[in-house]
Amino acid sequence: MLKILVVDDEPPARTRMGQLLGDCAAQLPLTVVGMADGGIAGLEAAVRLKPDVVLLDIAMPDMSGIEVARHLAQLEAPPAIIFVTAFDEHALKAFEVQALDYLLKPVRAERLLAALQRAGRVAAREPRLDQLARDLGSARTQISVAERGRLVLVPLTDIVYLRAELKYVTIRTQAREYLTEESLTALEAEFGERFVRIHRNALVARAFIAGFQRVKGRPEGEGEAPEGHWEILLRDMDERLPISRRQWPTVKALAGF
């Protein structure tokens, strides 16, 4: 029995999809385990209900279907994703190139049945989803973190800094820390406009830079620096982070020194 979750912010579209799935049930054993009215609600429902397939609208106001799919791909056993879209022909080529299945609105029952019959699982950290997001200009607004069997969304606007430590990257907000296995290099490539690199292992959000302070000694791991080094001051936080000698010219230029 195929467990299906429908995610669409438009009530008529959800109703229509339910009717189409009812028609498909005569030829394919399936059950609709839930319907969600937005991207975030869909993500929460997918984590809770563990569907085999998510029929995922793309254009939703709170979180795009592309971003939802990228978060779902972080799950240990991600569901198969079938995008439902009204995108034009040019944009649809991005799906075809990445071999990701999609249904074009208005959806036909025969096409839906065919997509469900060949539904395959999305591999964790599916690289084709990342490429699709780049092709369509769909940027993440949050980073997802797995915590005690649930998926936590950390808004980019809350992140003070990202720091690589062993195999993880620490995501620091003013409230707490999270851990992600995404690499610092990949995060910098995706969110470079929001963050500035201050050290080989640290990115700081430009919006949280309060100032700079020169201190005696040297930043840990940066070799001899008897002339001292600079540290970055963070808005509304006592914590300070060292700026490497290599990165100081870039940071200094940013600050207008």
C-alpha atoms as a PDB file:
ATOM      1  CA  MET A   1       0.000   0.000   0.000  1.00  0.00           C
ATOM      2  CA  LEU A   2       1.543   3.274  -1.164  1.00  0.00           C
ATOM      3  CA  LYS A   3       1.258   6.015   1.481  1.00  0.00           C
ATOM      4  CA  ILE A   4       0.808   9.440  -0.120  1.00  0.00           C
ATOM      5  CA  LEU A   5       1.004  12.982   1.268  1.00  0.00           C
ATOM      6  CA  VAL A   6      -0.434  15.880  -0.742  1.00  0.00           C
ATOM      7  CA  VAL A   7       1.082  19.343  -0.196  1.00  0.00           C
ATOM      8  CA  ASP A   8      -0.588  22.328  -1.887  1.00  0.00           C
ATOM      9  CA  ASP A   9      -1.584  25.736  -0.531  1.00  0.00           C
ATOM     10  CA  GLU A  10      -4.750  25.913  -2.666  1.00  0.00           C
ATOM     11  CA  PRO A  11      -7.818  24.045  -1.280  1.00  0.00           C
ATOM     12  CA  PRO A  12      -9.336  23.340  -4.736  1.00  0.00           C
ATOM     13  CA  ALA A  13      -6.041  21.802  -5.874  1.00  0.00           C
ATOM     14  CA  ARG A  14      -5.926  19.532  -2.803  1.00  0.00           C
ATOM     15  CA  THR A  15      -9.525  18.470  -3.384  1.00  0.00           C
ATOM     16  CA  ARG A  16      -8.868  17.751  -7.051  1.00  0.00           C
ATOM     17  CA  MET A  17      -5.739  15.746  -6.239  1.00  0.00           C
ATOM     18  CA  GLY A  18      -7.720  13.695  -3.713  1.00  0.00           C
ATOM     19  CA  GLN A  19     -10.274  12.878  -6.389  1.00  0.00           C
ATOM     20  CA  LEU A  20      -7.552  11.870  -8.873  1.00  0.00           C
ATOM     21  CA  LEU A  21      -5.893   9.642  -6.291  1.00  0.00           C
ATOM     22  CA  GLY A  22      -9.250   8.010  -5.663  1.00  0.00           C
ATOM     23  CA  ASP A  23      -9.435   7.195  -9.377  1.00  0.00           C
ATOM     24  CA  CYS A  24      -5.875   5.808  -9.308  1.00  0.00           C
ATOM     25  CA  ALA A  25      -6.658   3.581  -6.324  1.00  0.00           C
ATOM     26  CA  ALA A  26      -8.612   1.235  -8.585  1.00  0.00           C
ATOM     27  CA  GLN A  27      -5.359   0.309 -10.350  1.00  0.00           C
ATOM     28  CA  LEU A  28      -2.736   0.907  -7.663  1.00  0.00           C
ATOM     29  CA  PRO A  29      -3.056   0.144  -3.926  1.00  0.00           C
ATOM     30  CA  LEU A  30      -2.621   3.504  -2.206  1.00  0.00           C
ATOM     31  CA  THR A  31      -3.823   5.547   0.717  1.00  0.00           C
ATOM     32  CA  VAL A  32      -3.724   9.305   1.312  1.00  0.00           C
ATOM     33  CA  VAL A  33      -2.179   9.692   4.763  1.00  0.00           C
ATOM     34  CA  GLY A  34      -2.532  13.457   4.852  1.00  0.00           C
ATOM     35  CA  MET A  35      -2.937  16.794   3.115  1.00  0.00           C
ATOM     36  CA  ALA A  36      -0.988  19.910   4.032  1.00  0.00           C
ATOM     37  CA  ASP A  37      -1.799  23.507   3.123  1.00  0.00           C
ATOM     38  CA  GLY A  38       1.745  24.866   2.820  1.00  0.00           C
ATOM     39  CA  GLY A  39       5.427  24.102   2.597  1.00  0.00           C
ATOM     40  CA  ILE A  40       6.256  24.179   6.296  1.00  0.00           C
ATOM     41  CA  ALA A  41       3.109  22.238   7.224  1.00  0.00           C
ATOM     42  CA  GLY A  42       3.987  19.731   4.516  1.00  0.00           C
ATOM     43  CA  LEU A  43       7.483  19.271   5.843  1.00  0.00           C
ATOM     44  CA  GLU A  44       6.189  18.708   9.382  1.00  0.00           C
ATOM     45  CA  ALA A  45       3.560  16.260   8.102  1.00  0.00           C
ATOM     46  CA  ALA A  46       6.129  14.301   6.092  1.00  0.00           C
ATOM     47  CA  VAL A  47       8.359  13.882   9.135  1.00  0.00           C
ATOM     48  CA  ARG A  48       5.387  12.797  11.268  1.00  0.00           C
ATOM     49  CA  LEU A  49       3.504  10.585   8.790  1.00  0.00           C
ATOM     50  CA  LYS A  50       6.471   9.047   6.921  1.00  0.00           C
ATOM     51  CA  PRO A  51       4.755   8.812   3.512  1.00  0.00           C
ATOM     52  CA  ASP A  52       6.208   6.822   0.645  1.00  0.00           C
ATOM     53  CA  VAL A  53       5.430   9.595  -1.845  1.00  0.00           C
ATOM     54  CA  VAL A  54       4.910  13.349  -1.480  1.00  0.00           C
ATOM     55  CA  LEU A  55       2.939  15.139  -4.201  1.00  0.00           C
ATOM     56  CA  LEU A  56       4.490  18.552  -3.773  1.00  0.00           C
ATOM     57  CA  ASP A  57       3.282  21.854  -5.184  1.00  0.00           C
ATOM     58  CA  ILE A  58       6.138  24.221  -6.012  1.00  0.00           C
ATOM     59  CA  ALA A  59       4.747  27.763  -5.794  1.00  0.00           C
ATOM     60  CA  MET A  60       3.735  28.196  -2.149  1.00  0.00           C
ATOM     61  CA  PRO A  61       4.004  31.441  -0.177  1.00  0.00           C
ATOM     62  CA  ASP A  62       5.638  30.212   3.023  1.00  0.00           C
ATOM     63  CA  MET A  63       8.228  27.812   1.567  1.00  0.00           C
ATOM     64  CA  SER A  64       8.675  26.682  -2.023  1.00  0.00           C
ATOM     65  CA  GLY A  65       8.300  23.031  -2.913  1.00  0.00           C
ATOM     66  CA  ILE A  66      11.916  22.969  -4.075  1.00  0.00           C
ATOM     67  CA  GLU A  67      13.101  23.995  -0.608  1.00  0.00           C
ATOM     68  CA  VAL A  68      10.753  21.512   1.066  1.00  0.00           C
ATOM     69  CA  ALA A  69      12.218  18.733  -1.092  1.00  0.00           C
ATOM     70  CA  ARG A  70      15.768  19.734  -0.167  1.00  0.00           C
ATOM     71  CA  HIS A  71      14.895  19.513   3.529  1.00  0.00           C
ATOM     72  CA  LEU A  72      13.135  16.165   3.061  1.00  0.00           C
ATOM     73  CA  ALA A  73      16.235  14.805   1.334  1.00  0.00           C
ATOM     74  CA  GLN A  74      18.063  15.167   4.670  1.00  0.00           C
ATOM     75  CA  LEU A  75      15.852  12.512   6.274  1.00  0.00           C
ATOM     76  CA  GLU A  76      17.266   9.069   6.926  1.00  0.00           C
ATOM     77  CA  ALA A  77      14.573   7.515   4.713  1.00  0.00           C
ATOM     78  CA  PRO A  78      13.357  10.326   2.438  1.00  0.00           C
ATOM     79  CA  PRO A  79      10.082   9.893   0.554  1.00  0.00           C
ATOM     80  CA  ALA A  80       9.813   9.931  -3.214  1.00  0.00           C
ATOM     81  CA  ILE A  81       9.057  13.419  -4.498  1.00  0.00           C
ATOM     82  CA  ILE A  82       6.713  14.168  -7.379  1.00  0.00           C
ATOM     83  CA  PHE A  83       6.551  17.898  -8.044  1.00  0.00           C
ATOM     84  CA  VAL A  84       3.254  19.423  -9.123  1.00  0.00           C
ATOM     85  CA  THR A  85       3.746  22.632 -11.055  1.00  0.00           C
ATOM     86  CA  ALA A  86       2.315  25.230 -13.380  1.00  0.00           C
ATOM     87  CA  PHE A  87       5.816  26.263 -14.525  1.00  0.00           C
ATOM     88  CA  ASP A  88       6.300  27.139 -18.166  1.00  0.00           C
ATOM     89  CA  GLU A  89       8.053  24.938 -20.708  1.00  0.00           C
ATOM     90  CA  HIS A  90      11.444  26.597 -20.228  1.00  0.00           C
ATOM     91  CA  ALA A  91      11.489  25.914 -16.487  1.00  0.00           C
ATOM     92  CA  LEU A  92      10.298  22.341 -16.970  1.00  0.00           C
ATOM     93  CA  LYS A  93      13.492  21.544 -18.855  1.00  0.00           C
ATOM     94  CA  ALA A  94      15.332  21.848 -15.531  1.00  0.00           C
ATOM     95  CA  PHE A  95      13.263  18.958 -14.151  1.00  0.00           C
ATOM     96  CA  GLU A  96      13.840  16.863 -17.245  1.00  0.00           C
ATOM     97  CA  VAL A  97      17.605  17.401 -17.191  1.00  0.00           C
ATOM     98  CA  GLN A  98      17.768  16.368 -13.531  1.00  0.00           C
ATOM     99  CA  ALA A  99      15.454  13.385 -14.163  1.00  0.00           C
ATOM    100  CA  LEU A 100      13.098  14.453 -11.375  1.00  0.00           C
ATOM    101  CA  ASP A 101       9.443  13.615 -11.908  1.00  0.00           C
ATOM    102  CA  TYR A 102       6.842  16.334 -12.165  1.00  0.00           C
ATOM    103  CA  LEU A 103       3.173  16.745 -12.992  1.00  0.00           C
ATOM    104  CA  LEU A 104       2.000  19.737 -14.969  1.00  0.00           C
ATOM    105  CA  LYS A 105      -1.195  21.430 -13.782  1.00  0.00           C
ATOM    106  CA  PRO A 106      -3.983  20.667 -14.544  1.00  0.00           C
ATOM    107  CA  VAL A 107      -2.999  17.121 -13.615  1.00  0.00           C
ATOM    108  CA  ARG A 108      -4.441  14.198 -15.591  1.00  0.00           C
ATOM    109  CA  ALA A 109      -5.270  10.918 -13.859  1.00  0.00           C
ATOM    110  CA  GLU A 110      -3.290   8.819 -16.372  1.00  0.00           C
ATOM    111  CA  ARG A 111      -0.152  10.919 -15.868  1.00  0.00           C
ATOM    112  CA  LEU A 112      -0.540  10.802 -12.074  1.00  0.00           C
ATOM    113  CA  LEU A 113      -0.907   7.026 -12.136  1.00  0.00           C
ATOM    114  CA  ALA A 114       2.189   6.623 -14.295  1.00  0.00           C
ATOM    115  CA  ALA A 115       4.224   8.855 -11.956  1.00  0.00           C
ATOM    116  CA  LEU A 116       3.102   6.907  -8.881  1.00  0.00           C
ATOM    117  CA  GLN A 117       3.891   3.576 -10.495  1.00  0.00           C
ATOM    118  CA  ARG A 118       7.500   4.546 -11.119  1.00  0.00           C
ATOM    119  CA  ALA A 119       8.035   6.610  -7.978  1.00  0.00           C
ATOM    120  CA  GLY A 120      11.569   6.128  -6.644  1.00  0.00           C
ATOM    121  CA  ARG A 121      13.158   7.345  -3.470  1.00  0.00           C
ATOM    122  CA  VAL A 122      15.091  10.579  -3.233  1.00  0.00           C
ATOM    123  CA  ALA A 123      18.577   9.795  -1.947  1.00  0.00           C
ATOM    124  CA  ALA A 124      19.798  11.715   1.093  1.00  0.00           C
ATOM    125  CA  ARG A 125      21.380  15.040   0.100  1.00  0.00           C
ATOM    126  CA  GLU A 126      20.177  14.449  -3.439  1.00  0.00           C
ATOM    127  CA  PRO A 127      22.580  16.495  -5.619  1.00  0.00           C
ATOM    128  CA  ARG A 128      20.001  16.829  -8.385  1.00  0.00           C
ATOM    129  CA  LEU A 129      17.737  18.777  -6.042  1.00  0.00           C
ATOM    130  CA  ASP A 130      20.554  21.235  -5.364  1.00  0.00           C
ATOM    131  CA  GLN A 131      21.168  21.648  -9.075  1.00  0.00           C
ATOM    132  CA  LEU A 132      17.451  22.084  -9.733  1.00  0.00           C
ATOM    133  CA  ALA A 133      17.300  24.802  -7.086  1.00  0.00           C
ATOM    134  CA  ARG A 134      20.194  26.620  -8.760  1.00  0.00           C
ATOM    135  CA  ASP A 135      18.616  26.260 -12.202  1.00  0.00           C
ATOM    136  CA  LEU A 136      15.337  27.730 -10.979  1.00  0.00           C
ATOM    137  CA  GLY A 137      16.893  30.340  -8.694  1.00  0.00           C
ATOM    138  CA  SER A 138      15.243  28.813  -5.624  1.00  0.00           C
ATOM    139  CA  ALA A 139      17.316  29.646  -2.537  1.00  0.00           C
ATOM    140  CA  ARG A 140      16.776  28.135   0.903  1.00  0.00           C
ATOM    141  CA  THR A 141      15.503  30.442   3.609  1.00  0.00           C
ATOM    142  CA  GLN A 142      16.237  27.938   6.395  1.00  0.00           C
ATOM    143  CA  ILE A 143      18.715  25.179   7.209  1.00  0.00           C
ATOM    144  CA  SER A 144      17.251  21.883   8.395  1.00  0.00           C
ATOM    145  CA  VAL A 145      18.822  20.008  11.302  1.00  0.00           C
ATOM    146  CA  ALA A 146      17.966  16.471  12.449  1.00  0.00           C
ATOM    147  CA  GLU A 147      17.415  16.388  16.212  1.00  0.00           C
ATOM    148  CA  ARG A 148      16.096  13.462  18.223  1.00  0.00           C
ATOM    149  CA  GLY A 149      13.995  12.041  15.420  1.00  0.00           C
ATOM    150  CA  ARG A 150      12.619  15.341  14.196  1.00  0.00           C
ATOM    151  CA  LEU A 151      13.611  17.960  11.656  1.00  0.00           C
ATOM    152  CA  VAL A 152      14.312  21.433  13.054  1.00  0.00           C
ATOM    153  CA  LEU A 153      14.280  24.457  10.731  1.00  0.00           C
ATOM    154  CA  VAL A 154      16.773  27.208  11.559  1.00  0.00           C
ATOM    155  CA  PRO A 155      15.942  30.493   9.762  1.00  0.00           C
ATOM    156  CA  LEU A 156      18.945  32.026   7.991  1.00  0.00           C
ATOM    157  CA  THR A 157      18.064  35.388   9.530  1.00  0.00           C
ATOM    158  CA  ASP A 158      18.677  33.914  13.017  1.00  0.00           C
ATOM    159  CA  ILE A 159      22.136  32.506  12.292  1.00  0.00           C
ATOM    160  CA  VAL A 160      25.013  34.469  13.844  1.00  0.00           C
ATOM    161  CA  TYR A 161      27.850  32.285  12.579  1.00  0.00           C
ATOM    162  CA  LEU A 162      28.767  28.908  11.110  1.00  0.00           C
ATOM    163  CA  ARG A 163      31.886  27.167  12.397  1.00  0.00           C
ATOM    164  CA  ALA A 164      33.431  23.902  11.210  1.00  0.00           C
ATOM    165  CA  GLU A 165      34.420  21.523  13.979  1.00  0.00           C
ATOM    166  CA  LEU A 166      35.608  18.005  13.113  1.00  0.00           C
ATOM    167  CA  LYS A 167      32.928  16.369  10.897  1.00  0.00           C
ATOM    168  CA  TYR A 168      30.177  18.839  11.798  1.00  0.00           C
ATOM    169  CA  VAL A 169      29.392  22.513  11.338  1.00  0.00           C
ATOM    170  CA  THR A 170      28.046  24.379  14.354  1.00  0.00           C
ATOM    171  CA  ILE A 171      25.135  26.678  13.556  1.00  0.00           C
ATOM    172  CA  ARG A 172      25.068  29.420  16.198  1.00  0.00           C
ATOM    173  CA  THR A 173      22.043  31.578  16.835  1.00  0.00           C
ATOM    174  CA  GLN A 174      21.649  34.021  19.705  1.00  0.00           C
ATOM    175  CA  ALA A 175      19.510  31.445  21.490  1.00  0.00           C
ATOM    176  CA  ARG A 176      21.444  28.171  21.016  1.00  0.00           C
ATOM    177  CA  GLU A 177      23.657  25.924  18.875  1.00  0.00           C
ATOM    178  CA  TYR A 178      22.765  23.270  16.300  1.00  0.00           C
ATOM    179  CA  LEU A 179      24.910  20.762  14.401  1.00  0.00           C
ATOM    180  CA  THR A 180      24.752  19.953  10.693  1.00  0.00           C
ATOM    181  CA  GLU A 181      26.747  17.618   8.473  1.00  0.00           C
ATOM    182  CA  GLU A 182      26.584  20.084   5.572  1.00  0.00           C
ATOM    183  CA  SER A 183      30.069  21.328   4.730  1.00  0.00           C
ATOM    184  CA  LEU A 184      31.177  24.884   5.438  1.00  0.00           C
ATOM    185  CA  THR A 185      32.343  25.185   1.826  1.00  0.00           C
ATOM    186  CA  ALA A 186      28.896  24.254   0.488  1.00  0.00           C
ATOM    187  CA  LEU A 187      27.160  26.620   2.898  1.00  0.00           C
ATOM    188  CA  GLU A 188      29.471  29.454   1.861  1.00  0.00           C
ATOM    189  CA  ALA A 189      28.791  28.758  -1.818  1.00  0.00           C
ATOM    190  CA  GLU A 190      25.036  28.908  -1.230  1.00  0.00           C
ATOM    191  CA  PHE A 191      24.843  31.768   1.273  1.00  0.00           C
ATOM    192  CA  GLY A 192      28.021  33.749   0.568  1.00  0.00           C
ATOM    193  CA  GLU A 193      26.162  37.029   0.185  1.00  0.00           C
ATOM    194  CA  ARG A 194      24.870  36.766   3.746  1.00  0.00           C
ATOM    195  CA  PHE A 195      28.098  35.625   5.455  1.00  0.00           C
ATOM    196  CA  VAL A 196      31.744  36.683   5.448  1.00  0.00           C
ATOM    197  CA  ARG A 197      34.611  34.242   6.043  1.00  0.00           C
ATOM    198  CA  ILE A 198      36.743  35.355   8.991  1.00  0.00           C
ATOM    199  CA  HIS A 199      38.788  32.184   9.392  1.00  0.00           C
ATOM    200  CA  ARG A 200      39.330  28.970   7.489  1.00  0.00           C
ATOM    201  CA  ASN A 201      36.753  27.323   9.763  1.00  0.00           C
ATOM    202  CA  ALA A 202      34.257  30.152  10.363  1.00  0.00           C
ATOM    203  CA  LEU A 203      31.657  32.267   8.551  1.00  0.00           C
ATOM    204  CA  VAL A 204      29.934  35.166  10.315  1.00  0.00           C
ATOM    205  CA  ALA A 205      26.631  36.749   9.300  1.00  0.00           C
ATOM    206  CA  ARG A 206      27.253  40.300   8.142  1.00  0.00           C
ATOM    207  CA  ALA A 207      24.090  41.457   9.922  1.00  0.00           C
ATOM    208  CA  PHE A 208      25.491  40.328  13.310  1.00  0.00           C
ATOM    209  CA  ILE A 209      28.889  42.045  13.059  1.00  0.00           C
ATOM    210  CA  ALA A 210      28.984  44.738  15.737  1.00  0.00           C
ATOM    211  CA  GLY A 211      32.638  45.750  15.382  1.00  0.00           C
ATOM    212  CA  PHE A 212      36.251  44.675  15.786  1.00  0.00           C
ATOM    213  CA  GLN A 213      38.794  44.638  18.573  1.00  0.00           C
ATOM    214  CA  ARG A 214      42.549  44.248  18.440  1.00  0.00           C
ATOM    215  CA  VAL A 215      44.021  41.929  21.069  1.00  0.00           C
ATOM    216  CA  LYS A 216      47.522  40.828  21.998  1.00  0.00           C
ATOM    217  CA  GLY A 217      48.721  37.348  21.165  1.00  0.00           C
ATOM    218  CA  ARG A 218      47.584  35.278  18.200  1.00  0.00           C
ATOM    219  CA  PRO A 219      44.478  33.449  17.001  1.00  0.00           C
ATOM    220  CA  GLU A 220      44.660  29.747  17.792  1.00  0.00           C
ATOM    221  CA  GLY A 221      46.170  27.709  14.980  1.00  0.00           C
ATOM    222  CA  GLU A 222      47.321  30.683  12.923  1.00  0.00           C
ATOM    223  CA  GLY A 223      51.044  30.545  13.683  1.00  0.00           C
ATOM    224  CA  GLU A 224      53.204  33.229  15.230  1.00  0.00           C
ATOM    225  CA  ALA A 225      51.654  36.703  15.379  1.00  0.00           C
ATOM    226  CA  PRO A 226      53.497  38.664  18.070  1.00  0.00           C
ATOM    227  CA  GLU A 227      51.890  41.877  16.825  1.00  0.00           C
ATOM    228  CA  GLY A 228      48.500  40.585  17.996  1.00  0.00           C
ATOM    229  CA  HIS A 229      45.339  39.882  16.053  1.00  0.00           C
ATOM    230  CA  TRP A 230      41.804  41.113  15.499  1.00  0.00           C
ATOM    231  CA  GLU A 231      38.608  39.644  16.895  1.00  0.00           C
ATOM    232  CA  ILE A 232      35.086  40.173  15.672  1.00  0.00           C
ATOM    233  CA  LEU A 233      32.463  41.546  18.056  1.00  0.00           C
ATOM    234  CA  LEU A 234      28.984  40.091  17.709  1.00  0.00           C
ATOM    235  CA  ARG A 235      25.763  42.023  18.132  1.00  0.00           C
ATOM    236  CA  ASP A 236      24.063  41.337  21.490  1.00  0.00           C
ATOM    237  CA  MET A 237      26.542  38.550  22.336  1.00  0.00           C
ATOM    238  CA  ASP A 238      29.610  38.442  24.594  1.00  0.00           C
ATOM    239  CA  GLU A 239      31.305  35.811  22.458  1.00  0.00           C
ATOM    240  CA  ARG A 240      34.156  36.953  20.195  1.00  0.00           C
ATOM    241  CA  LEU A 241      35.713  35.137  17.272  1.00  0.00           C
ATOM    242  CA  PRO A 242      39.314  35.469  16.018  1.00  0.00           C
ATOM    243  CA  ILE A 243      39.953  36.772  12.513  1.00  0.00           C
ATOM    244  CA  SER A 244      42.818  35.072  10.708  1.00  0.00           C
ATOM    245  CA  ARG A 245      45.615  37.125   9.223  1.00  0.00           C
ATOM    246  CA  ARG A 246      44.714  35.811   5.784  1.00  0.00           C
ATOM    247  CA  GLN A 247      41.095  36.915   6.059  1.00  0.00           C
ATOM    248  CA  TRP A 248      41.670  40.233   7.835  1.00  0.00           C
ATOM    249  CA  PRO A 249      42.093  42.293   4.611  1.00  0.00           C
ATOM    250  CA  THR A 250      38.735  41.016   3.341  1.00  0.00           C
ATOM    251  CA  VAL A 251      36.989  41.632   6.653  1.00  0.00           C
ATOM    252  CA  LYS A 252      38.646  45.045   6.980  1.00  0.00           C
ATOM    253  CA  ALA A 253      37.432  46.050   3.524  1.00  0.00           C
ATOM    254  CA  LEU A 254      33.936  44.956   4.448  1.00  0.00           C
ATOM    255  CA  ALA A 255      34.035  47.154   7.528  1.00  0.00           C
ATOM    256  CA  GLY A 256      35.397  50.118   5.588  1.00  0.00           C
ATOM    257  CA  PHE A 257      38.619  50.399   7.616  1.00  0.00           C
END
